[in-house]
């Protein structure tokens, strides 16, 4: 549904794209009322593929209903999670899919300007997108009077500057405005006051890439895939110590075992699986006992885990889970925007506390202190950077307690 053309068409060929149903969704959208478009997205059950899994249709409805003379569509293409590359594949292999999705989003909410916020580490994607946008303007899919209609939509690419925090939507908007990428207080939500204070749709690449199919085939067709409240498909990305890394697009409801053992072929090292991190550096580490968890937003939430952007990193039994927990805190310390104390200071203290556990210094007291620190970061952080860093840390000492026994130093 999302990667039907990837690897088959020439990425910059408009003829190839149209031959495989490209711009079919846009053609239908141009003849539809804006509210009808929003309703189709609601019917589809599509949720944000960037991590928060917020219903896309509700976000669009909010922007649609907001009174303003200027509205924006912003694509979050700052794909920074470990083990993820689905956004890059969309942009490099099928760039018109993203462009079409953004145009349809503009038609649905009344936005005439779009921006793709692209991570600077993707130079090939940048070059491909620039050429694809230029060709789309020439072919009258962008600009004024799109395909002879009275609709107008402009699109530009803006490069990020290697800041993980700019994957958070409000920090991204700050960066787009030319400011330092720090998290904004919410409310107001970006759907009400977003880019330059105007109503703004901020969606991930994969969310926007799902829109052409929904517009072309109808929300009910998309909704027929998946399970529970997790509808449609998800591109799961396999990385780490695994036989066959790559991307597998599956309906929600498949299991980690299907991916790791079936598609991934098990461990590259031939050793047993010990831990699987799902959802990037802020995702929980799952033990082998949870390999049969269905890939479903609510099921993962109940297990204290997240699906996030669909990145899956596999570790064998040589992994040091104490080191992984410490890395999670160190990553937060390095990538925090610094605006709130629980994230800025808590992550630094977290690294220090875990080091004391590693050194076998007052181990039980420091374990209790680490747990309290995690509570503070979850409850007090402004955004998911600090609020979710405890997920991998807690999962490490909950599912792999033997890794927290200490190796050196004085007895506790």
Protein backbone atom coordinates (compact mmCIF):
# COMPACT_ATOMS: atom_id res chain seq x y z
CA UNK A 1 0.00 0.00 0.00
CA UNK A 2 2.90 2.37 0.71
CA UNK A 3 5.84 0.66 -1.01
CA UNK A 4 4.02 -0.79 -4.04
CA UNK A 5 6.23 1.15 -6.47
CA UNK A 6 9.53 1.24 -4.56
CA UNK A 7 12.28 -0.46 -6.53
CA UNK A 8 10.00 -0.97 -9.54
CA UNK A 9 9.67 2.51 -11.04
CA UNK A 10 12.31 5.07 -11.91
CA UNK A 11 11.90 7.42 -8.92
CA UNK A 12 11.83 10.64 -10.96
CA UNK A 13 9.70 9.38 -13.83
CA UNK A 14 6.24 10.94 -13.76
CA UNK A 15 5.16 8.50 -16.49
CA UNK A 16 6.18 5.50 -14.35
CA UNK A 17 4.43 6.95 -11.34
CA UNK A 18 1.18 7.62 -13.22
CA UNK A 19 1.30 4.19 -14.90
CA UNK A 20 1.15 2.59 -11.42
CA UNK A 21 -1.85 4.63 -10.19
CA UNK A 22 0.17 7.70 -9.26
CA UNK A 23 -1.93 10.88 -8.84
CA UNK A 24 -5.10 8.79 -8.93
CA UNK A 25 -5.82 9.93 -5.37
CA UNK A 26 -5.12 13.57 -6.23
CA UNK A 27 -7.42 13.37 -9.26
CA UNK A 28 -10.26 12.21 -7.02
CA UNK A 29 -9.39 14.72 -4.31
CA UNK A 30 -9.61 17.64 -6.73
CA UNK A 31 -13.26 16.80 -7.32
CA UNK A 32 -14.11 16.32 -3.64
CA UNK A 33 -15.25 18.71 -0.93
CA UNK A 34 -12.56 19.37 1.68
CA UNK A 35 -14.70 17.97 4.51
CA UNK A 36 -15.31 14.80 2.50
CA UNK A 37 -11.53 14.34 2.21
CA UNK A 38 -11.09 14.76 5.95
CA UNK A 39 -13.92 12.27 6.53
CA UNK A 40 -12.21 9.66 4.35
CA UNK A 41 -9.04 9.99 6.45
CA UNK A 42 -11.11 9.63 9.62
CA UNK A 43 -12.80 6.52 8.23
CA UNK A 44 -9.42 5.00 7.35
CA UNK A 45 -8.34 4.96 11.00
CA UNK A 46 -4.90 6.24 9.96
CA UNK A 47 -2.78 7.28 12.93
CA UNK A 48 0.50 9.14 13.07
CA UNK A 49 3.42 6.94 12.10
CA UNK A 50 5.98 9.14 13.80
CA UNK A 51 5.56 7.75 17.33
CA UNK A 52 2.59 9.36 19.07
CA UNK A 53 0.02 7.47 16.94
CA UNK A 54 -2.46 10.35 17.12
CA UNK A 55 -5.46 9.94 14.76
CA UNK A 56 -4.58 11.78 11.57
CA UNK A 57 -8.19 12.62 10.71
CA UNK A 58 -8.76 14.39 14.02
CA UNK A 59 -5.65 16.52 13.52
CA UNK A 60 -6.79 17.41 10.01
CA UNK A 61 -10.29 18.24 11.22
CA UNK A 62 -8.87 20.68 13.77
CA UNK A 63 -6.84 22.49 11.12
CA UNK A 64 -9.75 22.36 8.67
CA UNK A 65 -12.05 24.07 11.20
CA UNK A 66 -9.51 26.66 12.37
CA UNK A 67 -10.19 30.13 10.90
CA UNK A 68 -7.10 31.54 9.16
CA UNK A 69 -6.06 33.14 5.91
CA UNK A 70 -2.91 30.99 5.76
CA UNK A 71 -2.48 27.36 6.79
CA UNK A 72 0.49 25.02 6.39
CA UNK A 73 1.31 21.36 5.77
CA UNK A 74 4.61 20.34 7.36
CA UNK A 75 6.15 16.94 6.71
CA UNK A 76 8.38 15.68 9.50
CA UNK A 77 11.13 13.90 7.54
CA UNK A 78 13.70 14.20 10.35
CA UNK A 79 13.96 10.41 10.64
CA UNK A 80 16.38 10.05 13.55
CA UNK A 81 15.35 6.87 15.39
CA UNK A 82 17.92 4.10 15.52
CA UNK A 83 17.26 1.33 13.01
CA UNK A 84 14.78 3.33 10.90
CA UNK A 85 14.96 4.04 7.19
CA UNK A 86 11.38 3.84 5.87
CA UNK A 87 11.07 7.59 5.31
CA UNK A 88 14.33 7.61 3.36
CA UNK A 89 13.09 4.79 1.12
CA UNK A 90 9.85 6.64 0.36
CA UNK A 91 11.68 9.83 -0.53
CA UNK A 92 14.43 8.17 -2.58
CA UNK A 93 12.37 5.46 -4.31
CA UNK A 94 8.92 7.06 -4.72
CA UNK A 95 9.14 10.82 -4.05
CA UNK A 96 5.92 11.72 -5.90
CA UNK A 97 3.98 9.62 -3.37
CA UNK A 98 4.96 12.03 -0.59
CA UNK A 99 4.35 15.06 -2.81
CA UNK A 100 0.90 13.78 -3.76
CA UNK A 101 0.03 13.09 -0.12
CA UNK A 102 1.01 16.61 0.90
CA UNK A 103 -1.02 18.21 -1.92
CA UNK A 104 -4.10 16.19 -0.88
CA UNK A 105 -3.55 17.22 2.75
CA UNK A 106 -3.47 20.85 1.61
CA UNK A 107 -6.73 20.43 -0.30
CA UNK A 108 -8.35 18.80 2.74
CA UNK A 109 -7.56 21.52 5.28
CA UNK A 110 -7.27 24.60 3.08
CA UNK A 111 -3.47 24.94 3.18
CA UNK A 112 -1.60 26.39 0.21
CA UNK A 113 2.00 26.02 1.42
CA UNK A 114 3.92 22.90 2.40
CA UNK A 115 7.38 22.25 3.81
CA UNK A 116 9.35 19.02 3.99
CA UNK A 117 11.66 19.22 7.02
CA UNK A 118 14.41 16.80 5.97
CA UNK A 119 17.33 15.56 8.04
CA UNK A 120 20.59 16.79 6.57
CA UNK A 121 22.07 13.27 6.79
CA UNK A 122 19.93 12.30 3.75
CA UNK A 123 21.72 14.01 0.82
CA UNK A 124 20.36 11.58 -1.80
CA UNK A 125 16.79 12.06 -0.59
CA UNK A 126 17.37 15.82 -0.70
CA UNK A 127 18.57 15.74 -4.30
CA UNK A 128 15.72 13.42 -5.39
CA UNK A 129 13.04 15.54 -3.69
CA UNK A 130 14.36 18.76 -5.21
CA UNK A 131 14.23 17.27 -8.71
CA UNK A 132 10.81 15.68 -8.12
CA UNK A 133 9.34 18.97 -6.87
CA UNK A 134 10.74 20.80 -9.90
CA UNK A 135 9.19 18.21 -12.25
CA UNK A 136 5.88 18.37 -10.36
CA UNK A 137 5.78 22.16 -10.87
CA UNK A 138 6.54 21.75 -14.58
CA UNK A 139 3.73 19.19 -14.93
CA UNK A 140 1.31 21.48 -13.04
CA UNK A 141 0.87 19.21 -10.02
CA UNK A 142 2.28 21.99 -7.85
CA UNK A 143 1.74 25.72 -8.03
CA UNK A 144 -1.35 27.60 -9.20
CA UNK A 145 -4.38 26.07 -10.94
CA UNK A 146 -3.36 22.46 -10.23
CA UNK A 147 -4.37 20.33 -13.25
CA UNK A 148 -6.72 23.04 -14.44
CA UNK A 149 -8.54 23.40 -11.12
CA UNK A 150 -8.84 26.45 -8.90
CA UNK A 151 -6.54 24.82 -6.31
CA UNK A 152 -3.07 26.04 -5.38
CA UNK A 153 -0.26 24.39 -3.42
CA UNK A 154 3.43 25.25 -3.13
CA UNK A 155 6.08 22.97 -1.67
CA UNK A 156 9.66 23.45 -0.47
CA UNK A 157 12.34 21.36 1.26
CA UNK A 158 14.11 22.65 4.37
CA UNK A 159 17.14 20.90 5.88
CA UNK A 160 17.56 20.19 9.58
CA UNK A 161 20.88 20.36 11.39
CA UNK A 162 21.43 16.94 12.96
CA UNK A 163 19.28 17.58 16.04
CA UNK A 164 17.24 14.58 17.21
CA UNK A 165 14.94 16.85 19.24
CA UNK A 166 13.70 18.45 16.01
CA UNK A 167 11.79 15.24 15.37
CA UNK A 168 9.42 16.59 18.06
CA UNK A 169 6.82 18.60 16.18
CA UNK A 170 7.06 21.88 18.08
CA UNK A 171 10.88 21.90 18.10
CA UNK A 172 10.67 21.22 14.36
CA UNK A 173 8.42 24.26 13.91
CA UNK A 174 10.82 26.43 15.89
CA UNK A 175 13.65 25.28 13.64
CA UNK A 176 11.58 25.92 10.49
CA UNK A 177 11.05 29.48 11.70
CA UNK A 178 14.81 29.95 11.93
CA UNK A 179 15.03 29.63 15.70
CA UNK A 180 16.88 27.23 17.97
CA UNK A 181 15.08 23.88 18.00
CA UNK A 182 13.51 23.86 21.47
CA UNK A 183 10.20 22.36 22.52
CA UNK A 184 7.18 24.64 22.84
CA UNK A 185 4.69 24.52 25.66
CA UNK A 186 1.34 22.96 24.69
CA UNK A 187 -1.36 24.22 24.46
CA UNK A 188 -1.70 25.82 22.01
CA UNK A 189 -1.42 22.82 19.72
CA UNK A 190 0.25 23.25 16.32
CA UNK A 191 -3.11 22.50 14.69
CA UNK A 192 -4.32 25.79 16.18
CA UNK A 193 -1.11 27.85 16.36
CA UNK A 194 1.70 26.15 14.50
CA UNK A 195 4.17 27.47 11.93
CA UNK A 196 4.37 31.28 12.19
CA UNK A 197 1.39 31.12 14.57
CA UNK A 198 -0.94 29.69 11.92
CA UNK A 199 -2.94 26.41 11.89
CA UNK A 200 -0.55 23.68 10.79
CA UNK A 201 -0.77 19.98 9.98
CA UNK A 202 2.45 18.26 11.09
CA UNK A 203 2.60 14.66 9.86
CA UNK A 204 5.32 12.09 9.42
CA UNK A 205 6.43 10.91 5.94
CA UNK A 206 4.69 7.54 6.34
CA UNK A 207 1.41 9.15 7.40
CA UNK A 208 1.37 11.45 4.37
CA UNK A 209 2.51 8.60 2.09
CA UNK A 210 -0.63 6.65 3.08
CA UNK A 211 -2.94 9.45 1.93
CA UNK A 212 -2.89 8.85 -1.87
CA UNK A 213 -4.12 5.26 -1.38
CA UNK A 214 -6.86 6.43 0.99
CA UNK A 215 -7.99 9.15 -1.42
CA UNK A 216 -7.91 6.78 -4.40
CA UNK A 217 -9.45 3.66 -2.88
CA UNK A 218 -11.45 5.08 0.02
CA UNK A 219 -10.96 5.12 3.75
CA UNK A 220 -12.95 1.90 4.23
CA UNK A 221 -10.52 -0.04 2.01
CA UNK A 222 -7.56 1.12 4.08
CA UNK A 223 -9.42 0.47 7.33
CA UNK A 224 -10.01 -3.18 6.32
CA UNK A 225 -6.34 -3.93 7.06
CA UNK A 226 -4.95 -4.19 10.59
CA UNK A 227 -6.48 -5.00 13.97
CA UNK A 228 -8.16 -3.18 16.86
CA UNK A 229 -7.55 0.55 16.64
CA UNK A 230 -4.35 -0.01 14.63
CA UNK A 231 -5.50 0.18 11.03
CA UNK A 232 -3.73 -0.18 7.72
CA UNK A 233 -0.14 -1.27 7.30
CA UNK A 234 3.15 -0.37 8.95
CA UNK A 235 6.61 -0.55 7.37
CA UNK A 236 8.68 -2.42 9.97
CA UNK A 237 12.42 -1.92 9.68
CA UNK A 238 14.71 -4.77 10.77
CA UNK A 239 18.21 -3.92 11.97
CA UNK A 240 20.82 -4.98 14.49
CA UNK A 241 22.17 -8.51 14.89
CA UNK A 242 19.85 -10.13 12.36
CA UNK A 243 20.36 -12.38 9.34
CA UNK A 244 18.30 -10.34 6.88
CA UNK A 245 17.88 -6.66 7.62
CA UNK A 246 15.46 -4.58 5.61
CA UNK A 247 11.93 -3.23 5.43
CA UNK A 248 8.76 -5.33 5.65
CA UNK A 249 5.35 -3.68 5.15
CA UNK A 250 2.71 -5.66 7.02
CA UNK A 251 -0.81 -5.08 8.38
CA UNK A 252 -0.93 -4.46 12.12
CA UNK A 253 -1.50 -7.66 14.07
CA UNK A 254 1.57 -9.61 12.95
CA UNK A 255 4.02 -10.51 15.71
CA UNK A 256 7.64 -9.74 16.50
CA UNK A 257 8.37 -13.43 15.97
CA UNK A 258 6.97 -13.21 12.42
CA UNK A 259 9.40 -10.39 11.72
CA UNK A 260 12.52 -11.49 13.57
CA UNK A 261 12.42 -15.20 12.81
CA UNK A 262 10.29 -15.31 9.66
CA UNK A 263 11.43 -12.33 7.60
CA UNK A 264 14.67 -11.62 9.47
CA UNK A 265 15.89 -15.22 9.53
CA UNK A 266 17.00 -15.03 13.17
CA UNK A 267 20.34 -13.89 14.50
CA UNK A 268 23.27 -13.16 12.19
CA UNK A 269 25.63 -14.38 14.93
CA UNK A 270 23.79 -17.70 15.32
CA UNK A 271 23.44 -17.00 19.05
CA UNK A 272 20.10 -16.78 20.92
CA UNK A 273 18.02 -13.59 20.86
CA UNK A 274 18.18 -11.76 24.16
CA UNK A 275 16.52 -8.39 23.63
CA UNK A 276 14.62 -6.50 20.95
CA UNK A 277 14.25 -2.73 21.02
CA UNK A 278 11.17 -1.50 19.18
CA UNK A 279 10.42 2.16 18.48
CA UNK A 280 13.84 3.78 18.39
CA UNK A 281 16.12 4.93 21.23
CA UNK A 282 13.12 5.84 23.40
CA UNK A 283 11.49 2.42 22.95
CA UNK A 284 11.49 -0.41 25.47
CA UNK A 285 13.76 -3.45 25.33
CA UNK A 286 11.58 -6.54 25.05
CA UNK A 287 12.63 -10.04 26.17
CA UNK A 288 12.17 -13.27 24.19
CA UNK A 289 9.04 -14.02 26.24
CA UNK A 290 7.30 -11.14 24.43
CA UNK A 291 8.18 -12.19 20.89
CA UNK A 292 4.56 -13.18 20.28
CA UNK A 293 3.15 -9.74 21.11
CA UNK A 294 0.92 -8.56 18.25
CA UNK A 295 2.26 -5.43 16.58
CA UNK A 296 -0.56 -3.17 17.76
CA UNK A 297 -0.37 0.29 19.38
CA UNK A 298 -2.61 -0.55 22.34
CA UNK A 299 -1.11 -4.00 22.99
CA UNK A 300 2.37 -2.51 23.07
CA UNK A 301 1.25 0.32 25.35
CA UNK A 302 -0.20 -2.21 27.81
CA UNK A 303 3.17 -3.98 27.81
CA UNK A 304 4.98 -0.71 28.60
CA UNK A 305 6.41 -0.55 25.08
CA UNK A 306 5.93 1.58 21.96
CA UNK A 307 5.78 0.84 18.22
CA UNK A 308 6.99 4.32 17.33
CA UNK A 309 8.26 4.59 13.79
CA UNK A 310 8.48 0.81 13.37
CA UNK A 311 12.22 0.44 13.90
CA UNK A 312 13.27 -2.95 15.33
CA UNK A 313 16.82 -3.52 16.57
CA UNK A 314 17.74 -7.07 17.64
CA UNK A 315 20.44 -8.06 20.17
CA UNK A 316 21.86 -11.50 20.95
CA UNK A 317 22.84 -12.88 24.36
CA UNK A 318 26.18 -11.06 24.44
CA UNK A 319 24.49 -7.67 24.93
CA UNK A 320 25.19 -5.75 28.16
CA UNK A 321 21.75 -4.49 29.21
CA UNK A 322 23.18 -2.26 31.94
CA UNK A 323 25.23 -0.52 29.25
CA UNK A 324 22.12 -0.21 27.07
CA UNK A 325 20.21 1.46 29.92
CA UNK A 326 23.11 3.83 30.50
CA UNK A 327 23.27 4.62 26.78
CA UNK A 328 19.56 5.60 26.85
CA UNK A 329 20.23 8.20 29.54
CA UNK A 330 23.39 9.38 27.77
CA UNK A 331 21.49 9.75 24.49
CA UNK A 332 18.88 11.92 26.22
CA UNK A 333 21.61 14.05 27.83
CA UNK A 334 23.22 14.61 24.42
CA UNK A 335 20.00 15.29 22.49
CA UNK A 336 17.88 17.20 25.03
CA UNK A 337 16.92 20.72 23.94
CA UNK A 338 17.62 21.79 27.53
CA UNK A 339 14.35 23.62 28.08
CA UNK A 340 13.03 21.56 31.00
CA UNK A 341 14.92 20.45 34.10
CA UNK A 342 13.70 16.82 34.34
CA UNK A 343 15.11 16.04 30.89
CA UNK A 344 18.19 18.29 30.94
CA UNK A 345 19.40 17.39 34.44
CA UNK A 346 17.60 14.09 35.00
CA UNK A 347 19.34 12.38 32.10
CA UNK A 348 22.79 13.44 33.35
CA UNK A 349 21.97 12.20 36.85
CA UNK A 350 20.65 8.98 35.27
CA UNK A 351 24.01 8.26 33.65
CA UNK A 352 25.74 8.84 37.00
CA UNK A 353 23.32 6.65 38.98
CA UNK A 354 23.64 3.75 36.53
CA UNK A 355 27.42 4.07 36.69
CA UNK A 356 27.25 3.72 40.48
CA UNK A 357 25.14 0.59 40.02
CA UNK A 358 27.75 -0.71 37.59
CA UNK A 359 30.46 -0.02 40.16
CA UNK A 360 28.44 -1.92 42.80
CA UNK A 361 28.21 1.17 45.02
CA UNK A 362 25.13 1.19 47.27
CA UNK A 363 23.44 -0.79 44.55
CA UNK A 364 19.97 -1.20 46.07
CA UNK A 365 19.76 2.47 47.10
CA UNK A 366 20.83 3.55 43.64
CA UNK A 367 18.30 1.23 42.00
CA UNK A 368 15.57 2.87 44.08
CA UNK A 369 16.95 6.31 43.20
CA UNK A 370 16.96 5.39 39.50
CA UNK A 371 13.32 4.36 39.74
CA UNK A 372 12.36 7.66 41.38
CA UNK A 373 14.33 9.56 38.75
CA UNK A 374 12.41 7.76 36.01
CA UNK A 375 9.12 8.81 37.64
CA UNK A 376 10.25 12.43 37.72
CA UNK A 377 11.29 12.40 34.06
CA UNK A 378 8.01 10.77 32.95
CA UNK A 379 5.79 13.12 34.95
CA UNK A 380 7.78 16.36 34.62
CA UNK A 381 9.27 16.49 31.13
CA UNK A 382 7.82 18.83 28.51
CA UNK A 383 7.95 16.30 25.68
CA UNK A 384 8.63 12.67 24.84
CA UNK A 385 12.41 13.14 24.84
CA UNK A 386 12.58 13.19 28.63
CA UNK A 387 9.20 11.56 29.16
CA UNK A 388 10.05 8.38 27.28
CA UNK A 389 13.76 7.95 28.06
CA UNK A 390 12.74 5.94 31.17
CA UNK A 391 10.97 3.36 28.94
CA UNK A 392 14.17 1.62 27.74
CA UNK A 393 15.83 2.12 31.14
CA UNK A 394 12.97 0.56 33.10
CA UNK A 395 12.48 -2.24 30.62
CA UNK A 396 16.19 -3.09 30.94
CA UNK A 397 16.13 -3.52 34.71
CA UNK A 398 12.64 -5.07 34.75
CA UNK A 399 13.14 -7.73 32.07
CA UNK A 400 16.89 -8.21 32.48
CA UNK A 401 17.57 -7.73 36.22
CA UNK A 402 20.62 -9.99 36.09
CA UNK A 403 22.35 -7.30 34.05
CA UNK A 404 22.14 -4.90 37.01
CA UNK A 405 24.16 -6.98 39.46
CA UNK A 406 27.31 -4.90 39.18
CA UNK A 407 30.74 -6.05 38.12
CA UNK A 408 33.35 -4.08 40.04
CA UNK A 409 33.85 -1.92 43.12
CA UNK A 410 33.05 -2.47 46.76
CA UNK A 411 30.21 -4.76 47.86
CA UNK A 412 26.88 -3.01 48.28
